[in-house]
N, C-alpha and C. Protein backbone atom coordinates (compact mmCIF):
# COMPACT_ATOMS: atom_id res chain seq x y z
N MET A 1 0.63 -1.03 -0.07
CA MET A 1 0.20 0.57 0.32
C MET A 1 0.95 1.05 0.52
N THR A 2 2.05 1.42 -0.79
CA THR A 2 2.74 2.21 -1.14
C THR A 2 1.52 3.27 -2.32
N ARG A 3 3.03 5.05 -2.08
CA ARG A 3 1.82 6.00 -2.49
C ARG A 3 1.95 5.75 -3.93
N GLU A 4 3.26 4.82 -4.75
CA GLU A 4 3.22 4.91 -5.71
C GLU A 4 1.94 3.39 -6.13
N GLY A 5 1.59 3.21 -5.66
CA GLY A 5 1.19 1.33 -5.68
C GLY A 5 -0.25 1.44 -5.62
N LEU A 6 -1.16 2.91 -4.61
CA LEU A 6 -1.69 3.42 -5.08
C LEU A 6 -2.74 3.72 -6.17
N ALA A 7 -1.22 5.06 -6.51
CA ALA A 7 -1.60 5.38 -8.75
C ALA A 7 -1.68 5.08 -9.22
N ALA A 8 -0.97 3.70 -8.76
CA ALA A 8 -0.56 2.55 -10.00
C ALA A 8 -2.21 2.17 -10.09
N GLY A 9 -2.77 0.90 -9.56
CA GLY A 9 -4.07 0.76 -9.39
C GLY A 9 -4.81 1.34 -8.78
N ARG A 10 -4.52 3.01 -9.39
CA ARG A 10 -6.53 3.71 -9.00
C ARG A 10 -7.88 3.08 -9.16
N ALA A 11 -7.48 2.20 -10.94
CA ALA A 11 -8.25 2.18 -10.93
C ALA A 11 -8.95 1.00 -10.91
N ARG A 12 -8.63 0.41 -9.95
CA ARG A 12 -8.81 -1.31 -9.13
C ARG A 12 -9.55 -0.54 -7.85
N ILE A 13 -8.74 0.39 -7.16
CA ILE A 13 -9.24 0.87 -6.04
C ILE A 13 -10.45 1.52 -6.44
N GLY A 14 -10.54 2.17 -7.49
CA GLY A 14 -12.31 3.01 -7.99
C GLY A 14 -13.30 1.88 -7.58
N ARG A 15 -12.32 0.38 -7.53
CA ARG A 15 -14.11 -0.24 -8.32
C ARG A 15 -14.87 -0.31 -6.60
N LEU A 16 -13.63 -0.37 -5.95
CA LEU A 16 -14.10 0.46 -4.13
C LEU A 16 -15.77 0.31 -3.80
N TRP A 17 -15.16 1.03 -4.84
CA TRP A 17 -17.05 2.22 -4.23
C TRP A 17 -17.44 1.51 -4.24
N PRO A 18 -18.13 0.46 -4.82
CA PRO A 18 -19.54 0.11 -5.15
C PRO A 18 -20.05 -0.74 -3.98
N TRP A 19 -18.61 -1.59 -3.75
CA TRP A 19 -18.88 -2.12 -2.02
C TRP A 19 -18.67 -1.45 -1.20
N GLN A 20 -18.18 -0.14 -1.47
CA GLN A 20 -18.87 0.69 0.18
C GLN A 20 -20.11 1.16 0.08
N ALA A 21 -20.96 1.30 -1.19
CA ALA A 21 -22.08 1.50 -1.18
C ALA A 21 -22.65 0.60 -0.43
N THR A 22 -22.64 -0.63 -0.84
CA THR A 22 -22.89 -1.43 -0.33
C THR A 22 -23.69 -1.75 1.09
N HIS A 23 -21.57 -0.82 1.87
CA HIS A 23 -21.67 -1.18 3.51
C HIS A 23 -21.92 0.36 4.51
N ASP A 24 -21.93 1.21 3.50
CA ASP A 24 -22.11 2.33 3.85
C ASP A 24 -23.43 3.07 3.74
N PRO A 25 -24.63 3.40 3.92
CA PRO A 25 -25.92 3.62 3.63
C PRO A 25 -25.66 5.09 2.90
N GLU A 26 -25.19 5.97 3.52
CA GLU A 26 -24.04 7.62 3.77
C GLU A 26 -23.68 7.29 2.34
N PRO A 27 -23.93 8.41 1.07
CA PRO A 27 -22.80 8.31 -0.31
C PRO A 27 -21.87 8.83 -0.27
N PRO A 28 -20.87 8.67 -0.53
CA PRO A 28 -19.64 9.81 0.24
C PRO A 28 -19.59 11.26 -0.44
N MET A 29 -19.27 11.71 0.46
CA MET A 29 -19.20 13.33 0.63
C MET A 29 -18.04 13.66 -0.75
N LEU A 30 -17.34 14.14 -1.33
CA LEU A 30 -16.40 15.28 -2.08
C LEU A 30 -16.60 16.24 -1.68
N TYR A 31 -15.51 17.37 -1.45
CA TYR A 31 -14.97 18.21 -1.05
C TYR A 31 -13.44 19.17 -2.56
N ASN A 32 -13.10 20.46 -2.10
CA ASN A 32 -12.40 21.21 -2.74
C ASN A 32 -11.69 21.92 -2.24
N HIS A 33 -10.45 21.43 -2.85
CA HIS A 33 -8.84 22.60 -1.50
C HIS A 33 -9.81 23.43 -0.35
N ASP A 34 -10.95 23.87 -0.18
CA ASP A 34 -11.20 25.05 1.00
C ASP A 34 -12.15 24.40 1.72
N GLY A 35 -12.51 22.56 1.43
CA GLY A 35 -13.43 22.79 2.78
C GLY A 35 -14.82 22.63 1.64
N GLN A 36 -14.45 22.89 0.58
CA GLN A 36 -16.37 23.34 0.12
C GLN A 36 -16.76 21.81 -0.74
N GLN A 37 -17.57 21.60 -0.35
CA GLN A 37 -18.89 20.36 -1.11
C GLN A 37 -19.25 20.70 -2.35
N VAL A 38 -18.41 18.84 -3.29
CA VAL A 38 -18.47 19.55 -4.61
C VAL A 38 -18.93 19.72 -4.91
N VAL A 39 -19.89 20.54 -5.32
CA VAL A 39 -21.00 20.81 -6.44
C VAL A 39 -20.66 21.78 -8.06
N PHE A 40 -20.59 20.37 -9.38
CA PHE A 40 -20.09 21.64 -10.81
C PHE A 40 -21.68 23.11 -11.19
N HIS A 41 -20.86 23.25 -11.57
CA HIS A 41 -21.77 24.74 -11.97
C HIS A 41 -20.39 25.42 -13.03
N ASP A 42 -21.54 25.61 -14.25
CA ASP A 42 -21.60 26.15 -15.23
C ASP A 42 -22.80 27.19 -15.84
N ALA A 43 -21.80 28.52 -15.39
CA ALA A 43 -22.51 29.59 -14.93
C ALA A 43 -22.89 30.42 -15.96
N THR A 44 -23.92 31.03 -16.91
CA THR A 44 -23.84 32.28 -17.82
C THR A 44 -23.75 33.25 -17.48
N PHE A 45 -23.12 34.59 -18.73
CA PHE A 45 -23.42 35.59 -18.65
C PHE A 45 -23.99 36.22 -20.05
N ASP A 46 -24.36 37.07 -20.33
CA ASP A 46 -25.09 38.10 -20.85
C ASP A 46 -23.94 39.23 -21.13
N VAL A 47 -22.98 39.07 -22.51
CA VAL A 47 -22.14 40.71 -22.13
C VAL A 47 -21.75 41.48 -23.91
N ALA A 48 -22.44 42.58 -22.95
CA ALA A 48 -22.85 44.14 -24.77
C ALA A 48 -22.28 44.54 -24.57
N ASP A 49 -21.00 44.22 -23.58
CA ASP A 49 -19.79 45.15 -23.64
C ASP A 49 -18.07 44.68 -23.64
N ARG A 50 -17.54 44.38 -24.55
CA ARG A 50 -17.03 43.33 -24.81
C ARG A 50 -15.63 44.12 -24.11
N THR A 51 -15.58 45.53 -23.93
CA THR A 51 -14.26 46.13 -23.68
C THR A 51 -13.78 45.73 -22.16
N ALA A 52 -14.98 46.40 -22.08
CA ALA A 52 -15.70 46.69 -20.31
C ALA A 52 -14.79 45.60 -19.80
N LEU A 53 -15.49 44.29 -20.25
CA LEU A 53 -15.18 42.94 -19.64
C LEU A 53 -13.76 42.72 -19.18
N ASP A 54 -12.50 42.70 -20.81
CA ASP A 54 -11.33 42.73 -21.23
C ASP A 54 -11.06 43.14 -19.96
N ALA A 55 -11.55 44.82 -19.37
CA ALA A 55 -10.48 45.93 -18.69
C ALA A 55 -10.75 45.49 -17.57
N ALA A 56 -12.28 44.46 -17.08
CA ALA A 56 -11.59 44.31 -15.48
C ALA A 56 -11.46 43.36 -15.27
N LEU A 57 -11.11 42.10 -16.39
CA LEU A 57 -10.61 41.33 -16.26
C LEU A 57 -9.08 40.95 -15.93
N ALA A 58 -8.73 42.13 -17.11
CA ALA A 58 -7.05 42.79 -16.95
C ALA A 58 -6.77 43.11 -15.88
N ALA A 59 -7.11 43.85 -15.58
CA ALA A 59 -7.33 44.89 -13.71
C ALA A 59 -7.41 44.19 -12.39
N ARG A 60 -7.35 42.64 -12.84
CA ARG A 60 -7.97 41.86 -11.30
C ARG A 60 -6.96 40.18 -11.40
N ASP A 61 -5.52 40.68 -10.01
CA ASP A 61 -4.03 40.23 -9.92
C ASP A 61 -4.63 38.29 -9.52
N ASP A 62 -5.95 37.77 -10.33
CA ASP A 62 -6.05 36.00 -9.41
C ASP A 62 -7.03 35.86 -11.06
N VAL A 63 -6.40 36.98 -11.68
CA VAL A 63 -7.12 36.84 -13.31
C VAL A 63 -6.48 36.04 -14.33
N ASP A 64 -6.03 35.32 -14.39
CA ASP A 64 -4.86 35.48 -16.12
C ASP A 64 -5.09 34.85 -17.41
N VAL A 65 -5.25 34.84 -18.32
CA VAL A 65 -5.90 34.41 -19.74
C VAL A 65 -4.97 32.77 -19.57
N THR A 66 -5.34 31.60 -19.80
CA THR A 66 -4.62 30.62 -19.91
C THR A 66 -3.37 30.85 -20.89
N GLY A 67 -3.10 31.33 -21.69
CA GLY A 67 -2.10 30.22 -22.69
C GLY A 67 -2.19 30.47 -23.62
N PHE A 68 -3.50 29.85 -23.92
CA PHE A 68 -3.77 29.04 -25.16
C PHE A 68 -4.59 29.66 -26.44
N SER A 69 -5.79 30.85 -25.39
CA SER A 69 -6.78 31.57 -26.24
C SER A 69 -6.02 32.78 -25.18
N VAL A 70 -6.40 34.12 -26.62
CA VAL A 70 -7.88 35.14 -25.61
C VAL A 70 -8.78 34.95 -24.71
N ASP A 71 -9.52 34.32 -25.82
CA ASP A 71 -10.70 34.83 -24.94
C ASP A 71 -11.69 32.63 -23.77
N GLN A 72 -9.47 32.49 -23.33
CA GLN A 72 -9.73 32.13 -22.30
C GLN A 72 -9.50 32.62 -20.90
N TRP A 73 -9.51 31.95 -19.73
CA TRP A 73 -8.97 33.07 -18.61
C TRP A 73 -9.28 32.33 -17.36
N ASN A 74 -8.27 31.56 -16.76
CA ASN A 74 -7.76 30.96 -15.26
C ASN A 74 -8.70 32.19 -14.03
N TRP A 75 -9.00 31.88 -13.21
CA TRP A 75 -9.49 32.71 -12.06
C TRP A 75 -8.42 31.57 -11.06
N PHE A 76 -7.33 31.99 -10.33
CA PHE A 76 -6.80 31.59 -9.05
C PHE A 76 -6.86 32.27 -7.00
N ARG A 77 -6.21 30.98 -6.78
CA ARG A 77 -5.01 32.09 -5.57
C ARG A 77 -4.16 31.77 -5.79
N ILE A 78 -3.28 32.19 -5.01
CA ILE A 78 -1.94 32.10 -4.98
C ILE A 78 -2.13 32.14 -2.93
N GLY A 79 -1.42 30.99 -2.62
CA GLY A 79 -1.54 31.05 -1.25
C GLY A 79 0.06 31.61 -0.80
N ASP A 80 0.12 31.21 0.59
CA ASP A 80 1.43 32.15 0.40
C ASP A 80 2.71 31.71 1.16
N ASP A 81 2.41 30.02 0.92
CA ASP A 81 4.09 28.96 0.11
C ASP A 81 4.13 29.44 -1.63
N GLY A 82 3.22 29.95 -2.00
CA GLY A 82 2.84 30.20 -3.04
C GLY A 82 2.50 29.52 -4.06
N SER A 83 1.74 28.21 -3.29
CA SER A 83 1.04 27.35 -4.95
C SER A 83 -0.36 27.74 -5.28
N THR A 84 -0.68 27.65 -5.76
CA THR A 84 -1.49 28.55 -6.98
C THR A 84 -2.69 26.94 -7.08
N THR A 85 -4.08 28.05 -6.46
CA THR A 85 -5.52 27.25 -6.45
C THR A 85 -5.79 27.22 -7.21
N LEU A 86 -6.48 26.44 -8.27
CA LEU A 86 -7.35 27.17 -9.46
C LEU A 86 -9.32 27.50 -9.33
N LEU A 87 -9.52 28.21 -8.94
CA LEU A 87 -10.88 28.51 -8.84
C LEU A 87 -12.23 28.36 -9.44
N GLY A 88 -11.44 28.57 -10.99
CA GLY A 88 -11.82 28.30 -12.32
C GLY A 88 -12.19 29.57 -13.46
N LEU A 89 -12.29 28.78 -14.56
CA LEU A 89 -11.92 28.69 -15.48
C LEU A 89 -13.00 29.85 -16.59
N LEU A 90 -12.80 30.83 -17.13
CA LEU A 90 -14.83 31.77 -17.39
C LEU A 90 -13.94 30.91 -19.28
N GLU A 91 -15.29 31.43 -20.11
CA GLU A 91 -14.51 31.81 -21.97
C GLU A 91 -15.71 32.20 -21.81
N ILE A 92 -14.89 33.05 -23.29
CA ILE A 92 -16.37 34.35 -23.99
C ILE A 92 -16.77 33.84 -25.67
N ASP A 93 -17.84 33.05 -25.75
CA ASP A 93 -18.39 32.53 -26.69
C ASP A 93 -18.68 33.86 -27.63
N ASP A 94 -18.06 34.58 -28.43
CA ASP A 94 -19.45 35.67 -28.52
C ASP A 94 -19.80 37.04 -27.75
N ASP A 95 -21.42 36.90 -27.62
CA ASP A 95 -21.24 37.64 -26.46
C ASP A 95 -21.99 37.32 -24.91
N GLU A 96 -21.05 36.00 -25.25
CA GLU A 96 -21.82 34.66 -23.35
C GLU A 96 -20.08 34.76 -22.99
N LEU A 97 -20.54 34.45 -21.80
CA LEU A 97 -19.28 34.29 -21.06
C LEU A 97 -19.98 32.94 -19.72
N SER A 98 -18.89 31.65 -19.78
CA SER A 98 -19.54 31.19 -19.05
C SER A 98 -18.55 30.71 -18.76
N LEU A 99 -18.47 30.64 -16.97
CA LEU A 99 -18.07 30.76 -15.76
C LEU A 99 -17.91 29.07 -15.23
N GLN A 100 -17.06 28.25 -14.84
CA GLN A 100 -17.10 27.04 -15.06
C GLN A 100 -16.09 26.29 -13.17
N VAL A 101 -17.36 26.77 -12.38
CA VAL A 101 -16.44 26.39 -10.54
C VAL A 101 -16.87 25.18 -10.23
N ASN A 102 -16.71 24.46 -8.55
CA ASN A 102 -16.92 23.54 -8.63
C ASN A 102 -17.91 23.65 -6.91
N SER A 103 -18.24 24.55 -6.54
CA SER A 103 -18.73 24.89 -5.77
C SER A 103 -19.64 25.57 -5.82
N ASP A 104 -21.08 25.76 -4.86
CA ASP A 104 -21.58 26.58 -4.58
C ASP A 104 -20.68 27.79 -4.09
N GLU A 105 -20.31 28.39 -3.54
CA GLU A 105 -19.38 28.88 -2.35
C GLU A 105 -18.51 30.22 -3.71
N ARG A 106 -17.67 29.38 -4.35
CA ARG A 106 -17.09 30.03 -5.43
C ARG A 106 -17.99 30.12 -6.00
N LEU A 107 -18.58 29.96 -6.56
CA LEU A 107 -19.59 30.68 -8.41
C LEU A 107 -20.04 31.94 -6.89
N SER A 108 -20.96 32.02 -5.99
CA SER A 108 -20.98 33.09 -5.67
C SER A 108 -20.37 34.31 -5.29
N LEU A 109 -18.94 33.71 -5.14
CA LEU A 109 -17.53 34.68 -4.40
C LEU A 109 -17.02 35.18 -6.02
N ALA A 110 -17.08 34.36 -7.16
CA ALA A 110 -16.65 35.16 -8.59
C ALA A 110 -17.93 36.42 -8.75
N ARG A 111 -19.77 35.65 -8.62
CA ARG A 111 -20.69 36.75 -8.82
C ARG A 111 -20.83 37.95 -7.75
N SER A 112 -18.94 37.99 -7.09
CA SER A 112 -19.30 38.76 -6.21
C SER A 112 -18.04 40.41 -7.26
N TRP A 113 -17.86 39.86 -7.91
CA TRP A 113 -17.05 40.60 -8.37
C TRP A 113 -17.57 40.27 -10.54
N LEU A 114 -17.99 40.02 -10.78
CA LEU A 114 -17.99 40.13 -12.03
C LEU A 114 -19.57 40.99 -12.76
N ASP A 115 -21.07 40.57 -11.39
CA ASP A 115 -22.42 41.34 -11.53
C ASP A 115 -21.78 42.67 -12.37
N PRO A 116 -20.68 43.56 -10.99
CA PRO A 116 -20.99 44.65 -11.04
C PRO A 116 -19.89 45.35 -11.89
N ILE A 117 -19.21 44.74 -12.58
CA ILE A 117 -19.47 44.51 -14.66
C ILE A 117 -19.59 44.97 -15.12
N PRO A 118 -19.62 46.67 -15.89
CA PRO A 118 -20.72 47.09 -16.61
C PRO A 118 -20.72 46.43 -18.19
N GLY A 119 -21.84 45.96 -18.23
CA GLY A 119 -22.45 45.30 -19.42
C GLY A 119 -22.25 43.47 -19.28
N VAL A 120 -22.52 42.84 -18.40
CA VAL A 120 -22.53 41.66 -17.79
C VAL A 120 -23.45 41.50 -16.71
N ALA A 121 -24.27 40.68 -17.56
CA ALA A 121 -25.92 39.74 -16.69
C ALA A 121 -25.79 39.13 -16.55
N PHE A 122 -25.99 38.15 -15.44
CA PHE A 122 -25.63 36.72 -15.14
C PHE A 122 -27.51 36.31 -15.62
N ASP A 123 -27.27 35.15 -16.67
CA ASP A 123 -27.79 35.03 -17.33
C ASP A 123 -28.45 33.24 -16.10
N GLY A 124 -27.93 32.59 -16.14
CA GLY A 124 -27.87 30.44 -15.58
C GLY A 124 -27.57 30.13 -15.47
N VAL A 125 -27.25 28.82 -14.48
CA VAL A 125 -26.76 28.13 -14.16
C VAL A 125 -26.85 26.68 -14.39
N ASP A 126 -26.35 25.92 -14.81
CA ASP A 126 -26.12 24.11 -14.78
C ASP A 126 -25.80 24.15 -13.85
N THR A 127 -26.20 23.51 -12.52
CA THR A 127 -25.34 22.10 -10.98
C THR A 127 -24.83 20.65 -11.83
N LYS A 128 -24.57 19.91 -10.94
CA LYS A 128 -24.13 18.53 -11.32
C LYS A 128 -23.30 18.74 -9.85
N ARG A 129 -24.49 17.17 -9.93
CA ARG A 129 -23.35 16.75 -8.55
C ARG A 129 -22.86 15.10 -9.16
N ILE A 130 -22.01 14.33 -8.32
CA ILE A 130 -20.94 13.75 -8.35
C ILE A 130 -22.27 12.48 -8.44
N ASN A 131 -22.50 11.49 -9.64
CA ASN A 131 -23.58 10.21 -8.70
C ASN A 131 -22.87 8.97 -9.42
N LEU A 132 -23.27 8.08 -8.27
CA LEU A 132 -21.95 7.07 -8.13
C LEU A 132 -21.95 6.35 -9.06
N ASP A 133 -23.08 5.37 -9.26
CA ASP A 133 -23.24 4.83 -11.01
C ASP A 133 -22.70 5.29 -12.26
N ILE A 134 -22.77 6.71 -12.37
CA ILE A 134 -22.02 7.44 -13.52
C ILE A 134 -20.62 7.01 -13.30
N ALA A 135 -19.95 7.15 -11.65
CA ALA A 135 -18.88 7.98 -11.73
C ALA A 135 -18.09 6.49 -11.86
N GLN A 136 -18.35 5.97 -11.86
CA GLN A 136 -17.41 4.36 -12.57
C GLN A 136 -18.41 3.23 -13.14
N ALA A 137 -19.24 3.81 -14.13
CA ALA A 137 -19.17 3.27 -15.95
C ALA A 137 -18.16 3.70 -16.33
N VAL A 138 -18.35 5.34 -16.36
CA VAL A 138 -17.41 6.48 -16.86
C VAL A 138 -15.74 6.06 -16.91
N TYR A 139 -15.67 5.97 -15.56
CA TYR A 139 -13.50 6.95 -14.82
C TYR A 139 -13.71 5.04 -14.68
N PHE A 140 -14.30 4.53 -14.59
CA PHE A 140 -13.92 2.53 -13.66
C PHE A 140 -14.51 1.87 -14.96
N PRO A 141 -14.61 1.51 -15.68
CA PRO A 141 -15.47 0.73 -16.33
C PRO A 141 -14.75 -1.44 -16.35
N HIS A 142 -15.56 -1.91 -16.81
CA HIS A 142 -15.37 -3.47 -15.80
C HIS A 142 -14.46 -3.86 -17.24
N ASP A 143 -14.96 -2.97 -18.58
CA ASP A 143 -13.77 -4.38 -19.76
C ASP A 143 -13.62 -2.66 -20.39
N VAL A 144 -11.98 -2.67 -19.45
CA VAL A 144 -10.84 -1.51 -20.26
C VAL A 144 -10.16 -1.84 -22.07
N VAL A 145 -10.52 -1.60 -22.97
CA VAL A 145 -10.01 -1.50 -23.94
C VAL A 145 -8.81 -0.11 -24.16
N PHE A 146 -7.39 -0.44 -24.36
CA PHE A 146 -6.64 0.44 -24.24
C PHE A 146 -6.08 0.33 -25.54
N ASP A 147 -6.38 1.99 -26.08
CA ASP A 147 -6.37 2.14 -28.30
C ASP A 147 -4.59 2.37 -27.39
N PRO A 148 -3.67 1.24 -28.86
CA PRO A 148 -2.09 1.54 -28.87
C PRO A 148 -1.46 3.16 -28.96
N ARG A 149 -2.56 4.07 -29.28
CA ARG A 149 -1.85 4.88 -29.44
C ARG A 149 -1.80 5.41 -28.10
N PHE A 150 -2.16 5.44 -27.00
CA PHE A 150 -2.18 6.29 -25.97
C PHE A 150 -0.67 6.20 -25.64
N ASP A 151 0.29 5.34 -25.51
CA ASP A 151 1.34 5.44 -25.40
C ASP A 151 2.10 6.25 -26.06
N GLU A 152 1.58 6.65 -27.06
CA GLU A 152 2.50 8.06 -28.04
C GLU A 152 2.09 9.04 -27.91
N LEU A 153 0.94 8.78 -27.26
CA LEU A 153 0.06 10.68 -26.44
C LEU A 153 0.68 11.24 -25.64
N VAL A 154 1.09 9.81 -24.73
CA VAL A 154 1.71 10.10 -23.44
C VAL A 154 3.15 10.19 -23.89
N ARG A 155 3.99 9.38 -24.40
CA ARG A 155 5.22 10.09 -24.52
C ARG A 155 5.23 11.83 -25.43
N ARG A 156 4.08 11.91 -26.55
CA ARG A 156 4.66 12.37 -26.65
C ARG A 156 4.27 14.16 -25.89
N TYR A 157 2.95 13.57 -25.26
CA TYR A 157 3.31 14.99 -24.24
C TYR A 157 4.18 15.58 -23.81
N PRO A 158 4.97 15.77 -23.47
CA PRO A 158 5.79 16.25 -22.48
C PRO A 158 6.17 17.66 -23.53
N GLU A 159 6.35 17.01 -24.84
CA GLU A 159 6.89 17.81 -26.72
C GLU A 159 6.29 19.03 -26.60
N ARG A 160 4.65 18.61 -26.40
CA ARG A 160 3.50 19.21 -27.26
C ARG A 160 3.72 21.00 -26.00
N TYR A 161 4.31 20.27 -24.70
CA TYR A 161 4.09 21.84 -24.31
C TYR A 161 5.99 21.92 -23.96
N ARG A 162 6.78 21.48 -25.00
CA ARG A 162 8.38 22.59 -24.74
C ARG A 162 7.39 23.39 -25.95
N GLU A 163 7.46 22.61 -26.94
CA GLU A 163 6.63 23.81 -28.90
C GLU A 163 5.71 24.79 -27.69
N TRP A 164 5.43 25.02 -26.82
CA TRP A 164 4.43 25.82 -26.38
C TRP A 164 5.33 26.81 -25.78
N ILE A 165 6.24 26.62 -24.86
CA ILE A 165 6.99 27.40 -24.56
C ILE A 165 7.20 28.67 -25.40
N ASP A 166 8.02 27.89 -26.80
CA ASP A 166 8.97 28.93 -27.53
C ASP A 166 7.76 29.41 -28.72
N ARG A 167 6.91 28.73 -28.28
CA ARG A 167 5.74 29.16 -29.29
C ARG A 167 5.16 31.14 -28.76
N PRO A 168 5.52 31.99 -30.12
CA PRO A 168 4.53 33.29 -29.78
C PRO A 168 3.24 33.32 -29.02
N ASN A 169 2.45 33.95 -28.63
CA ASN A 169 1.29 33.68 -27.87
C ASN A 169 0.68 35.29 -28.21
N PRO A 170 -0.40 35.10 -28.80
CA PRO A 170 -0.72 36.71 -29.01
C PRO A 170 -1.33 37.32 -27.27
N SER A 171 -1.76 35.99 -26.47
CA SER A 171 -2.45 36.87 -25.13
C SER A 171 -0.93 37.03 -24.46
N LEU A 172 0.25 36.83 -24.57
CA LEU A 172 1.70 37.69 -24.23
C LEU A 172 1.82 38.44 -24.84
N GLY A 173 0.81 39.85 -25.43
CA GLY A 173 1.47 40.57 -27.14
C GLY A 173 2.53 39.68 -27.82
N ASP A 174 2.11 38.25 -28.74
CA ASP A 174 2.49 37.44 -30.07
C ASP A 174 3.95 37.74 -28.95
N ARG A 175 5.09 37.65 -27.60
CA ARG A 175 5.74 37.04 -27.61
C ARG A 175 5.64 35.23 -26.86
N SER A 176 6.56 34.54 -26.72
CA SER A 176 6.96 33.33 -25.96
C SER A 176 6.58 33.58 -25.00
N PRO A 177 6.28 32.52 -24.40
CA PRO A 177 5.95 32.22 -22.51
C PRO A 177 8.20 32.05 -22.07
N ARG A 178 8.77 32.16 -22.38
CA ARG A 178 10.29 32.15 -22.55
C ARG A 178 10.31 33.22 -22.15
N GLU A 179 10.69 33.69 -23.59
CA GLU A 179 10.91 36.07 -24.39
C GLU A 179 10.52 36.13 -22.67
N LEU A 180 8.79 35.39 -22.74
CA LEU A 180 8.54 37.06 -20.90
C LEU A 180 9.27 36.92 -19.51
N CYS A 181 10.02 36.01 -19.60
CA CYS A 181 11.13 35.23 -18.46
C CYS A 181 11.80 36.43 -19.03
N ASP A 182 11.98 37.13 -19.42
CA ASP A 182 13.27 37.93 -19.38
C ASP A 182 13.07 39.42 -18.24
N THR A 183 12.49 38.81 -17.47
CA THR A 183 11.82 40.34 -16.26
C THR A 183 11.05 39.63 -15.69
N GLU A 184 10.97 39.88 -14.77
CA GLU A 184 10.69 38.72 -12.86
C GLU A 184 9.12 38.95 -12.39
N ALA A 185 8.77 40.19 -13.48
CA ALA A 185 7.48 39.91 -13.98
C ALA A 185 6.96 39.05 -14.04
N GLY A 186 7.07 39.19 -15.68
CA GLY A 186 7.13 37.90 -16.54
C GLY A 186 7.43 37.06 -15.97
N LYS A 187 7.98 36.37 -15.15
CA LYS A 187 8.32 35.59 -15.03
C LYS A 187 6.91 34.53 -13.53
N ARG A 188 6.55 35.98 -12.82
CA ARG A 188 5.58 35.32 -12.31
C ARG A 188 3.95 35.03 -13.08
N ARG A 189 4.26 36.27 -13.68
CA ARG A 189 2.85 35.78 -14.83
C ARG A 189 3.12 34.41 -15.57
N VAL A 190 4.67 33.74 -16.12
CA VAL A 190 4.52 32.65 -16.92
C VAL A 190 4.64 31.43 -15.65
N ARG A 191 4.61 31.58 -14.61
CA ARG A 191 4.78 30.57 -13.53
C ARG A 191 3.29 30.52 -13.23
N ARG A 192 2.27 31.23 -13.39
CA ARG A 192 0.74 31.27 -12.95
C ARG A 192 0.17 30.91 -14.20
N MET A 193 0.55 30.88 -15.63
CA MET A 193 0.65 30.22 -16.33
C MET A 193 0.17 29.20 -16.18
N VAL A 194 1.79 29.02 -15.97
CA VAL A 194 2.05 27.11 -16.58
C VAL A 194 1.41 26.50 -14.91
N LEU A 195 1.03 27.07 -14.01
CA LEU A 195 0.24 26.11 -12.96
C LEU A 195 -1.05 26.42 -13.48
N CYS A 196 -1.55 26.81 -13.76
CA CYS A 196 -3.15 27.01 -13.52
C CYS A 196 -3.23 26.06 -14.86
N ILE A 197 -2.82 25.57 -15.88
CA ILE A 197 -2.55 24.35 -16.87
C ILE A 197 -3.61 23.69 -16.56
N ALA A 198 -4.43 22.64 -16.94
CA ALA A 198 -5.42 22.15 -16.27
C ALA A 198 -4.56 20.95 -16.83
N ALA A 199 -5.17 19.85 -16.73
CA ALA A 199 -5.18 18.54 -16.69
C ALA A 199 -5.54 17.91 -18.47
N ASP A 200 -5.93 17.25 -19.34
CA ASP A 200 -6.34 17.06 -20.49
C ASP A 200 -7.46 16.52 -20.23
N GLN A 201 -8.61 16.88 -19.86
CA GLN A 201 -9.96 16.35 -20.05
C GLN A 201 -10.57 14.93 -20.55
N ARG A 202 -9.44 14.38 -21.57
CA ARG A 202 -10.12 13.04 -22.93
C ARG A 202 -9.51 12.29 -22.42
N SER A 203 -7.59 12.18 -21.37
CA SER A 203 -7.11 11.74 -21.39
C SER A 203 -6.23 11.73 -19.92
N ASP A 204 -7.07 12.53 -19.20
CA ASP A 204 -6.76 13.20 -17.42
C ASP A 204 -5.04 12.88 -17.56
N VAL A 205 -4.08 13.63 -18.10
CA VAL A 205 -2.86 12.97 -19.12
C VAL A 205 -2.27 14.53 -17.96
N VAL A 206 -1.98 14.11 -17.22
CA VAL A 206 -1.61 15.83 -15.95
C VAL A 206 0.14 17.06 -16.46
N PRO A 207 -0.16 17.65 -16.71
CA PRO A 207 0.27 18.61 -17.94
C PRO A 207 1.59 18.48 -16.88
N PRO A 208 3.13 18.39 -17.70
CA PRO A 208 4.46 18.26 -16.86
C PRO A 208 4.81 19.93 -16.79
N ARG A 209 4.39 19.92 -15.76
CA ARG A 209 4.53 21.59 -14.69
C ARG A 209 5.96 21.67 -14.45
N GLU A 210 6.31 20.63 -13.51
CA GLU A 210 7.80 21.36 -13.01
C GLU A 210 8.83 21.08 -14.18
N MET A 211 8.33 20.39 -15.64
CA MET A 211 10.16 20.39 -17.16
C MET A 211 9.81 22.27 -17.45
N MET A 212 8.57 22.32 -17.73
CA MET A 212 8.26 23.67 -18.07
C MET A 212 8.94 24.68 -16.57
N LEU A 213 7.95 24.31 -15.86
CA LEU A 213 9.30 25.49 -15.43
C LEU A 213 10.31 25.84 -15.08
N ARG A 214 11.05 24.18 -15.04
CA ARG A 214 12.94 23.69 -14.73
C ARG A 214 13.22 24.60 -16.17
N GLU A 215 12.06 24.47 -17.88
CA GLU A 215 12.40 24.66 -18.23
C GLU A 215 12.67 26.41 -18.98
N LEU A 216 11.94 26.82 -17.81
CA LEU A 216 12.11 28.45 -19.01
C LEU A 216 13.05 28.96 -17.24
N GLY A 217 12.87 28.18 -16.37
CA GLY A 217 13.89 28.99 -15.69
C GLY A 217 13.10 29.53 -14.28
N ILE A 218 12.81 28.65 -13.80
CA ILE A 218 11.33 29.96 -12.54
C ILE A 218 11.90 28.20 -11.34
């Protein structure tokens, strides 16, 4: 029962949930890093003034572009130890802004600064709680067939992010992340971007953040 063994056998461990459900009638509770019950929220806002929205987001120290699109932002918190907690993801499509967070409290906190932005109006929110049967079927199927291309995808994953490091980025004024690291302020911004990169939802492969920071000299 080592840490490495648990990580390697996470799919098998996940199959213990049905056994747990038969022995404990109370469903398991999931909490985020802030101790808040996990409830996924996908909120939408109508945007009448894109310029005002861009200016308001640019003025915040806890919001930054994702590094992959000028229409996507990370909302984050930096702890006293320098660690970064991703609080939410924002994305705009035409005149609609979407916000994804994982708790009621984070939605309320985000709305406390989004609602006052001129031209931004709350439209609605969809919520989703974890269903054990769905989670079991999606994440721990009984018959798992691995595509042989998956190993190649994992092998090339670091290469993809090495290319990102040196690629001109529109969200950075067409400078590459490496070029922006020529100042301390630039290093701080790039570090936030790297730490906020989410795992690939299709494969659950975690971005090689430590490698990227090492390559950038941060």
